[in-house]
Amino acid sequence: NKHNSETQKHRNKHTKTRIRHGVFMDFENWLKGMSEPQKNVLGSELKPCCYDPMTGWYRDGFCKTDARDRGVHTVCAQMTDEFLNYSRMKGNDLMTPHLPHFPGLKSGDKWCLCVSRWREAFMAGIAPPVVLEASHQKSLFVVSLGDLKNLTIPSKDEL
């Protein structure tokens, strides 16, 4: 019947594609490999982003992700005042602490950003620099490696 057909179309639409800040992602490919070791955008072992402040979806210092990470916190970026003010203007105040889980950020801090927000800021010309070795490969579903490389800072062993 017509109702069942429409329901199936709705299910297919929502299992194949997800829209996040205007970016289309293939949801099936996104879910593939969630149990595999997490890799960075260069295809090697994911390195830590920052332990102070403790960042990441899991708050373990890494920009790891899983299917529950709706914000897709996969880009390890070093905050700038310009980006922090931009993010606040867009409705995500990263400067104000929300203790005990969020300390508030300042320029120079590294943080696992939502890849869609980083892309949005990149398009506006104010994206913060990134650490490629600590940025999760799932970021490449939304941004190109070339764009990330344009704003790369070196990885440091000491976080």
N, C-alpha and C. Protein backbone atom coordinates (compact mmCIF):
# COMPACT_ATOMS: atom_id res chain seq x y z
N ASN A 1 0.83 -1.19 0.00
CA ASN A 1 0.00 0.00 0.00
C ASN A 1 0.87 1.25 0.00
N LYS A 2 0.24 2.37 -0.27
CA LYS A 2 0.97 3.63 -0.44
C LYS A 2 1.68 4.06 0.84
N HIS A 3 1.05 3.89 2.00
CA HIS A 3 1.65 4.28 3.28
C HIS A 3 2.95 3.51 3.53
N ASN A 4 2.94 2.20 3.32
CA ASN A 4 4.14 1.38 3.52
C ASN A 4 5.25 1.79 2.58
N SER A 5 4.89 2.13 1.34
CA SER A 5 5.88 2.57 0.36
C SER A 5 6.54 3.87 0.81
N GLU A 6 5.74 4.81 1.30
CA GLU A 6 6.28 6.09 1.79
C GLU A 6 7.15 5.89 3.03
N THR A 7 6.73 4.98 3.90
CA THR A 7 7.53 4.69 5.10
C THR A 7 8.87 4.10 4.70
N GLN A 8 8.89 3.19 3.73
CA GLN A 8 10.15 2.58 3.29
C GLN A 8 11.06 3.63 2.67
N LYS A 9 10.51 4.54 1.86
CA LYS A 9 11.31 5.61 1.27
C LYS A 9 11.94 6.47 2.37
N HIS A 10 11.16 6.79 3.40
CA HIS A 10 11.64 7.58 4.53
C HIS A 10 12.80 6.86 5.23
N ARG A 11 12.63 5.56 5.49
CA ARG A 11 13.69 4.77 6.15
C ARG A 11 14.95 4.75 5.29
N ASN A 12 14.80 4.49 3.99
CA ASN A 12 15.95 4.43 3.10
C ASN A 12 16.69 5.77 3.08
N LYS A 13 15.95 6.83 3.03
CA LYS A 13 16.55 8.17 3.00
C LYS A 13 17.38 8.40 4.26
N HIS A 14 16.87 8.02 5.41
CA HIS A 14 17.54 8.32 6.66
C HIS A 14 18.61 7.31 7.05
N THR A 15 18.64 6.15 6.42
CA THR A 15 19.72 5.22 6.72
C THR A 15 20.90 5.42 5.78
N LYS A 16 20.68 6.04 4.64
CA LYS A 16 21.76 6.22 3.68
C LYS A 16 22.45 7.57 3.80
N THR A 17 21.73 8.60 4.13
CA THR A 17 22.32 9.94 4.13
C THR A 17 21.92 10.68 5.39
N ARG A 18 22.88 11.36 5.98
CA ARG A 18 22.62 12.20 7.14
C ARG A 18 23.11 13.60 6.79
N ILE A 19 22.37 14.58 7.18
CA ILE A 19 22.78 15.96 6.92
C ILE A 19 23.19 16.60 8.23
N ARG A 20 24.37 17.20 8.23
CA ARG A 20 24.90 17.86 9.43
C ARG A 20 25.45 19.20 9.00
N HIS A 21 24.84 20.29 9.43
CA HIS A 21 25.24 21.64 9.04
C HIS A 21 25.36 21.77 7.53
N GLY A 22 24.40 21.18 6.80
CA GLY A 22 24.38 21.30 5.36
C GLY A 22 25.34 20.38 4.63
N VAL A 23 26.01 19.47 5.32
CA VAL A 23 26.96 18.56 4.70
C VAL A 23 26.35 17.18 4.61
N PHE A 24 26.36 16.58 3.43
CA PHE A 24 25.82 15.24 3.23
C PHE A 24 26.90 14.21 3.53
N MET A 25 26.55 13.19 4.29
CA MET A 25 27.48 12.12 4.60
C MET A 25 26.79 10.79 4.31
N ASP A 26 27.49 9.86 3.76
CA ASP A 26 26.99 8.52 3.51
C ASP A 26 26.99 7.79 4.84
N PHE A 27 25.81 7.60 5.42
CA PHE A 27 25.70 7.07 6.77
C PHE A 27 26.15 5.62 6.86
N GLU A 28 25.88 4.82 5.81
CA GLU A 28 26.31 3.43 5.85
C GLU A 28 27.83 3.33 5.90
N ASN A 29 28.53 4.13 5.08
CA ASN A 29 29.99 4.12 5.12
C ASN A 29 30.50 4.68 6.43
N TRP A 30 29.77 5.62 6.99
CA TRP A 30 30.17 6.20 8.29
C TRP A 30 30.20 5.11 9.36
N LEU A 31 29.18 4.26 9.36
CA LEU A 31 29.10 3.22 10.38
C LEU A 31 30.09 2.08 10.15
N LYS A 32 30.47 1.87 8.89
CA LYS A 32 31.44 0.81 8.59
C LYS A 32 32.74 1.11 9.32
N GLY A 33 33.32 0.10 9.87
CA GLY A 33 34.63 0.27 10.48
C GLY A 33 34.62 0.87 11.87
N MET A 34 33.46 1.01 12.49
CA MET A 34 33.44 1.58 13.84
C MET A 34 34.18 0.67 14.82
N SER A 35 34.25 -0.62 14.51
CA SER A 35 34.95 -1.53 15.42
C SER A 35 36.42 -1.66 15.05
N GLU A 36 36.83 -1.09 13.91
CA GLU A 36 38.22 -1.14 13.49
C GLU A 36 39.05 -0.17 14.32
N PRO A 37 40.39 -0.36 14.35
CA PRO A 37 41.24 0.61 15.04
C PRO A 37 41.04 2.00 14.43
N GLN A 38 41.04 3.01 15.26
CA GLN A 38 40.76 4.35 14.78
C GLN A 38 42.04 4.96 14.20
N LYS A 39 41.91 5.50 12.99
CA LYS A 39 43.03 6.03 12.23
C LYS A 39 42.89 7.53 12.06
N ASN A 40 44.01 8.17 11.74
CA ASN A 40 43.98 9.61 11.48
C ASN A 40 43.78 9.87 9.98
N VAL A 41 43.71 11.14 9.61
CA VAL A 41 43.44 11.52 8.22
C VAL A 41 44.57 11.11 7.28
N LEU A 42 45.72 10.76 7.81
CA LEU A 42 46.85 10.31 7.00
C LEU A 42 46.85 8.79 6.85
N GLY A 43 45.91 8.11 7.52
CA GLY A 43 45.78 6.67 7.42
C GLY A 43 46.61 5.89 8.41
N SER A 44 47.27 6.57 9.32
CA SER A 44 48.08 5.89 10.34
C SER A 44 47.39 5.98 11.70
N GLU A 45 48.05 5.45 12.71
CA GLU A 45 47.48 5.41 14.06
C GLU A 45 47.09 6.82 14.53
N LEU A 46 45.89 6.92 15.09
CA LEU A 46 45.41 8.19 15.62
C LEU A 46 46.23 8.57 16.84
N LYS A 47 46.79 9.77 16.83
CA LYS A 47 47.59 10.28 17.94
C LYS A 47 46.69 11.11 18.87
N PRO A 48 47.10 11.29 20.12
CA PRO A 48 46.30 12.13 21.02
C PRO A 48 46.27 13.58 20.57
N CYS A 49 45.18 14.25 20.86
CA CYS A 49 45.04 15.67 20.55
C CYS A 49 45.49 16.51 21.74
N CYS A 50 44.87 16.28 22.91
CA CYS A 50 45.21 17.08 24.08
C CYS A 50 44.67 16.43 25.35
N TYR A 51 45.49 16.49 26.38
CA TYR A 51 45.08 15.98 27.70
C TYR A 51 44.75 17.11 28.67
N ASP A 52 45.16 18.34 28.35
CA ASP A 52 44.90 19.47 29.24
C ASP A 52 44.63 20.71 28.40
N PRO A 53 43.35 21.03 28.14
CA PRO A 53 42.16 20.38 28.71
C PRO A 53 41.89 19.02 28.05
N MET A 54 41.27 18.13 28.80
CA MET A 54 40.95 16.79 28.32
C MET A 54 39.85 16.89 27.27
N THR A 55 40.18 16.46 26.08
CA THR A 55 39.27 16.62 24.95
C THR A 55 38.78 15.28 24.44
N GLY A 56 37.95 15.33 23.42
CA GLY A 56 37.47 14.14 22.73
C GLY A 56 36.07 13.74 23.15
N TRP A 57 35.39 13.06 22.24
CA TRP A 57 34.05 12.53 22.49
C TRP A 57 34.05 11.66 23.74
N TYR A 58 35.13 10.89 23.94
CA TYR A 58 35.25 10.02 25.10
C TYR A 58 35.96 10.71 26.27
N ARG A 59 36.38 11.94 26.08
CA ARG A 59 37.18 12.69 27.07
C ARG A 59 38.41 11.85 27.49
N ASP A 60 39.10 11.34 26.45
CA ASP A 60 40.31 10.56 26.68
C ASP A 60 41.54 11.19 26.02
N GLY A 61 41.37 12.41 25.49
CA GLY A 61 42.47 13.10 24.85
C GLY A 61 42.56 12.86 23.35
N PHE A 62 41.76 11.94 22.81
CA PHE A 62 41.79 11.60 21.39
C PHE A 62 40.52 12.07 20.69
N CYS A 63 40.63 12.32 19.39
CA CYS A 63 39.45 12.70 18.59
C CYS A 63 38.81 11.43 18.01
N LYS A 64 38.55 10.46 18.89
CA LYS A 64 37.87 9.22 18.50
C LYS A 64 36.39 9.52 18.30
N THR A 65 35.73 8.63 17.58
CA THR A 65 34.31 8.82 17.33
C THR A 65 33.62 7.47 17.27
N ASP A 66 32.32 7.53 17.31
CA ASP A 66 31.49 6.35 17.11
C ASP A 66 30.13 6.82 16.60
N ALA A 67 29.23 5.91 16.38
CA ALA A 67 27.92 6.25 15.81
C ALA A 67 27.10 7.17 16.72
N ARG A 68 27.41 7.21 18.01
CA ARG A 68 26.66 8.07 18.93
C ARG A 68 27.15 9.52 18.94
N ASP A 69 28.32 9.76 18.35
CA ASP A 69 28.92 11.10 18.31
C ASP A 69 28.24 11.92 17.21
N ARG A 70 27.08 12.45 17.53
CA ARG A 70 26.29 13.18 16.53
C ARG A 70 26.98 14.45 16.07
N GLY A 71 27.84 15.03 16.88
CA GLY A 71 28.57 16.22 16.48
C GLY A 71 29.80 15.91 15.65
N VAL A 72 30.21 14.67 15.63
CA VAL A 72 31.37 14.21 14.87
C VAL A 72 32.61 15.04 15.25
N HIS A 73 33.06 14.85 16.48
CA HIS A 73 34.19 15.61 17.06
C HIS A 73 35.51 14.98 16.63
N THR A 74 35.91 15.22 15.39
CA THR A 74 37.03 14.49 14.80
C THR A 74 38.21 15.34 14.35
N VAL A 75 38.12 16.65 14.42
CA VAL A 75 39.22 17.51 13.97
C VAL A 75 39.95 18.07 15.19
N CYS A 76 41.23 17.70 15.32
CA CYS A 76 42.06 18.25 16.40
C CYS A 76 42.56 19.61 15.94
N ALA A 77 42.11 20.65 16.60
CA ALA A 77 42.45 22.02 16.20
C ALA A 77 42.97 22.82 17.38
N GLN A 78 43.85 23.75 17.06
CA GLN A 78 44.38 24.66 18.08
C GLN A 78 43.55 25.94 18.02
N MET A 79 42.90 26.25 19.12
CA MET A 79 41.97 27.37 19.17
C MET A 79 42.67 28.71 18.93
N THR A 80 41.92 29.59 18.27
CA THR A 80 42.34 30.98 18.09
C THR A 80 41.22 31.85 18.63
N ASP A 81 41.54 33.07 19.02
CA ASP A 81 40.50 33.99 19.49
C ASP A 81 39.45 34.21 18.41
N GLU A 82 39.91 34.34 17.17
CA GLU A 82 38.98 34.58 16.06
C GLU A 82 37.98 33.43 15.92
N PHE A 83 38.47 32.19 15.98
CA PHE A 83 37.57 31.04 15.86
C PHE A 83 36.64 30.94 17.06
N LEU A 84 37.16 31.13 18.26
CA LEU A 84 36.32 31.03 19.46
C LEU A 84 35.18 32.05 19.42
N ASN A 85 35.47 33.26 18.98
CA ASN A 85 34.42 34.28 18.85
C ASN A 85 33.43 33.92 17.75
N TYR A 86 33.93 33.37 16.65
CA TYR A 86 33.06 32.92 15.56
C TYR A 86 32.11 31.83 16.05
N SER A 87 32.65 30.86 16.78
CA SER A 87 31.84 29.76 17.29
C SER A 87 30.77 30.28 18.25
N ARG A 88 31.14 31.22 19.09
CA ARG A 88 30.15 31.82 20.01
C ARG A 88 29.05 32.50 19.23
N MET A 89 29.44 33.24 18.18
CA MET A 89 28.47 33.95 17.35
C MET A 89 27.51 32.96 16.66
N LYS A 90 28.00 31.76 16.37
CA LYS A 90 27.18 30.73 15.72
C LYS A 90 26.36 29.92 16.73
N GLY A 91 26.47 30.25 18.02
CA GLY A 91 25.65 29.60 19.02
C GLY A 91 26.33 28.51 19.83
N ASN A 92 27.64 28.34 19.64
CA ASN A 92 28.37 27.34 20.41
C ASN A 92 29.50 28.03 21.16
N ASP A 93 29.22 28.45 22.36
CA ASP A 93 30.19 29.17 23.19
C ASP A 93 31.18 28.17 23.79
N LEU A 94 32.37 28.14 23.22
CA LEU A 94 33.42 27.24 23.71
C LEU A 94 34.30 27.89 24.77
N MET A 95 34.06 29.15 25.07
CA MET A 95 34.91 29.87 26.03
C MET A 95 34.40 29.78 27.47
N THR A 96 33.10 29.65 27.64
CA THR A 96 32.51 29.64 28.97
C THR A 96 32.57 28.24 29.58
N PRO A 97 33.16 28.10 30.76
CA PRO A 97 33.22 26.78 31.41
C PRO A 97 31.83 26.26 31.78
N HIS A 98 31.66 24.95 31.66
CA HIS A 98 30.48 24.24 32.14
C HIS A 98 31.00 23.06 32.94
N LEU A 99 31.36 23.35 34.17
CA LEU A 99 32.02 22.35 35.01
C LEU A 99 31.03 21.30 35.51
N PRO A 100 31.46 20.08 35.70
CA PRO A 100 32.85 19.61 35.73
C PRO A 100 33.35 19.09 34.39
N HIS A 101 32.48 19.00 33.35
CA HIS A 101 32.87 18.32 32.12
C HIS A 101 33.52 19.20 31.07
N PHE A 102 33.31 20.50 31.12
CA PHE A 102 33.87 21.38 30.09
C PHE A 102 34.53 22.58 30.75
N PRO A 103 35.85 22.72 30.58
CA PRO A 103 36.59 23.77 31.28
C PRO A 103 36.50 25.15 30.65
N GLY A 104 35.99 25.25 29.43
CA GLY A 104 36.07 26.51 28.69
C GLY A 104 37.43 26.57 28.01
N LEU A 105 37.45 27.09 26.80
CA LEU A 105 38.70 27.10 26.03
C LEU A 105 39.21 28.51 25.85
N LYS A 106 40.52 28.59 25.60
CA LYS A 106 41.16 29.87 25.30
C LYS A 106 42.08 29.66 24.10
N SER A 107 42.51 30.75 23.52
CA SER A 107 43.42 30.67 22.38
C SER A 107 44.65 29.86 22.76
N GLY A 108 45.05 28.95 21.88
CA GLY A 108 46.20 28.09 22.13
C GLY A 108 45.83 26.70 22.59
N ASP A 109 44.64 26.53 23.19
CA ASP A 109 44.18 25.20 23.60
C ASP A 109 43.92 24.36 22.36
N LYS A 110 44.15 23.05 22.48
CA LYS A 110 43.78 22.12 21.42
C LYS A 110 42.49 21.44 21.85
N TRP A 111 41.63 21.17 20.86
CA TRP A 111 40.31 20.61 21.16
C TRP A 111 39.82 19.83 19.95
N CYS A 112 39.07 18.77 20.19
CA CYS A 112 38.44 17.99 19.12
C CYS A 112 37.16 18.69 18.70
N LEU A 113 37.22 19.33 17.55
CA LEU A 113 36.08 20.08 17.05
C LEU A 113 35.15 19.22 16.20
N CYS A 114 33.90 19.66 16.13
CA CYS A 114 32.97 19.06 15.19
C CYS A 114 33.47 19.39 13.78
N VAL A 115 33.59 18.37 12.96
CA VAL A 115 34.15 18.57 11.63
C VAL A 115 33.31 19.54 10.81
N SER A 116 32.00 19.53 10.98
CA SER A 116 31.15 20.44 10.22
C SER A 116 31.39 21.89 10.62
N ARG A 117 31.65 22.15 11.90
CA ARG A 117 31.94 23.53 12.34
C ARG A 117 33.30 23.98 11.79
N TRP A 118 34.29 23.07 11.80
CA TRP A 118 35.60 23.43 11.25
C TRP A 118 35.44 23.77 9.77
N ARG A 119 34.67 22.95 9.04
CA ARG A 119 34.47 23.21 7.61
C ARG A 119 33.77 24.54 7.39
N GLU A 120 32.76 24.81 8.19
CA GLU A 120 32.03 26.08 8.09
C GLU A 120 32.99 27.26 8.31
N ALA A 121 33.84 27.15 9.33
CA ALA A 121 34.81 28.21 9.61
C ALA A 121 35.85 28.31 8.49
N PHE A 122 36.24 27.18 7.94
CA PHE A 122 37.18 27.17 6.82
C PHE A 122 36.60 27.94 5.64
N MET A 123 35.33 27.68 5.35
CA MET A 123 34.67 28.37 4.23
C MET A 123 34.58 29.88 4.50
N ALA A 124 34.51 30.26 5.77
CA ALA A 124 34.45 31.68 6.14
C ALA A 124 35.85 32.29 6.27
N GLY A 125 36.89 31.46 6.12
CA GLY A 125 38.26 31.97 6.19
C GLY A 125 38.81 32.13 7.59
N ILE A 126 38.20 31.48 8.59
CA ILE A 126 38.68 31.65 9.97
C ILE A 126 38.82 30.33 10.73
N ALA A 127 39.03 29.26 10.00
CA ALA A 127 39.21 27.96 10.66
C ALA A 127 40.52 27.94 11.44
N PRO A 128 40.52 27.29 12.60
CA PRO A 128 41.76 27.18 13.37
C PRO A 128 42.68 26.13 12.75
N PRO A 129 43.98 26.22 13.02
CA PRO A 129 44.92 25.22 12.49
C PRO A 129 44.68 23.86 13.11
N VAL A 130 45.06 22.80 12.38
CA VAL A 130 44.78 21.43 12.80
C VAL A 130 46.06 20.61 12.95
N VAL A 131 45.95 19.56 13.75
CA VAL A 131 47.00 18.56 13.88
C VAL A 131 46.52 17.33 13.12
N LEU A 132 47.12 17.07 11.96
CA LEU A 132 46.67 15.97 11.09
C LEU A 132 46.76 14.61 11.77
N GLU A 133 47.85 14.37 12.48
CA GLU A 133 48.07 13.08 13.11
C GLU A 133 47.04 12.77 14.20
N ALA A 134 46.39 13.80 14.72
CA ALA A 134 45.41 13.65 15.80
C ALA A 134 43.98 13.87 15.32
N SER A 135 43.80 14.11 14.02
CA SER A 135 42.46 14.30 13.45
C SER A 135 41.99 12.99 12.83
N HIS A 136 40.81 12.55 13.22
CA HIS A 136 40.27 11.25 12.83
C HIS A 136 39.96 11.20 11.33
N GLN A 137 40.21 10.03 10.74
CA GLN A 137 39.98 9.84 9.30
C GLN A 137 38.52 10.07 8.90
N LYS A 138 37.57 9.93 9.81
CA LYS A 138 36.16 10.17 9.48
C LYS A 138 35.93 11.63 9.08
N SER A 139 36.87 12.51 9.43
CA SER A 139 36.77 13.91 9.01
C SER A 139 36.73 14.03 7.50
N LEU A 140 37.35 13.08 6.81
CA LEU A 140 37.46 13.14 5.35
C LEU A 140 36.13 12.88 4.65
N PHE A 141 35.10 12.48 5.40
CA PHE A 141 33.76 12.38 4.82
C PHE A 141 33.17 13.78 4.61
N VAL A 142 33.75 14.77 5.27
CA VAL A 142 33.19 16.12 5.25
C VAL A 142 34.15 17.16 4.68
N VAL A 143 35.44 17.02 4.96
CA VAL A 143 36.44 17.97 4.47
C VAL A 143 37.52 17.20 3.70
N SER A 144 38.21 17.91 2.83
CA SER A 144 39.27 17.26 2.06
C SER A 144 40.58 17.32 2.84
N LEU A 145 41.44 16.35 2.57
CA LEU A 145 42.77 16.35 3.17
C LEU A 145 43.53 17.60 2.76
N GLY A 146 43.33 18.04 1.54
CA GLY A 146 43.98 19.27 1.07
C GLY A 146 43.61 20.48 1.89
N ASP A 147 42.32 20.61 2.23
CA ASP A 147 41.88 21.75 3.06
C ASP A 147 42.50 21.66 4.45
N LEU A 148 42.53 20.46 5.01
CA LEU A 148 43.16 20.30 6.33
C LEU A 148 44.64 20.62 6.28
N LYS A 149 45.31 20.16 5.23
CA LYS A 149 46.75 20.41 5.09
C LYS A 149 47.07 21.90 4.95
N ASN A 150 46.13 22.66 4.41
CA ASN A 150 46.34 24.11 4.27
C ASN A 150 46.50 24.80 5.61
N LEU A 151 46.00 24.18 6.68
CA LEU A 151 46.04 24.80 8.01
C LEU A 151 46.65 23.85 9.04
N THR A 152 47.75 23.22 8.69
CA THR A 152 48.37 22.22 9.56
C THR A 152 49.39 22.84 10.49
N ILE A 153 49.36 22.35 11.73
CA ILE A 153 50.44 22.66 12.68
C ILE A 153 51.09 21.33 13.04
N PRO A 154 52.36 21.35 13.40
CA PRO A 154 53.04 20.09 13.70
C PRO A 154 52.50 19.42 14.96
N SER A 155 52.53 18.10 14.93
CA SER A 155 52.16 17.31 16.12
C SER A 155 53.32 17.38 17.09
N LYS A 156 53.00 17.41 18.36
CA LYS A 156 54.04 17.41 19.40
C LYS A 156 53.86 16.20 20.27
N ASP A 157 54.98 15.61 20.69
CA ASP A 157 54.90 14.45 21.58
C ASP A 157 54.37 14.85 22.94
N GLU A 158 54.68 16.03 23.40
CA GLU A 158 54.24 16.51 24.71
C GLU A 158 52.93 17.25 24.52
N LEU A 159 51.90 16.82 25.22
CA LEU A 159 50.60 17.48 25.09
C LEU A 159 50.36 18.34 26.29
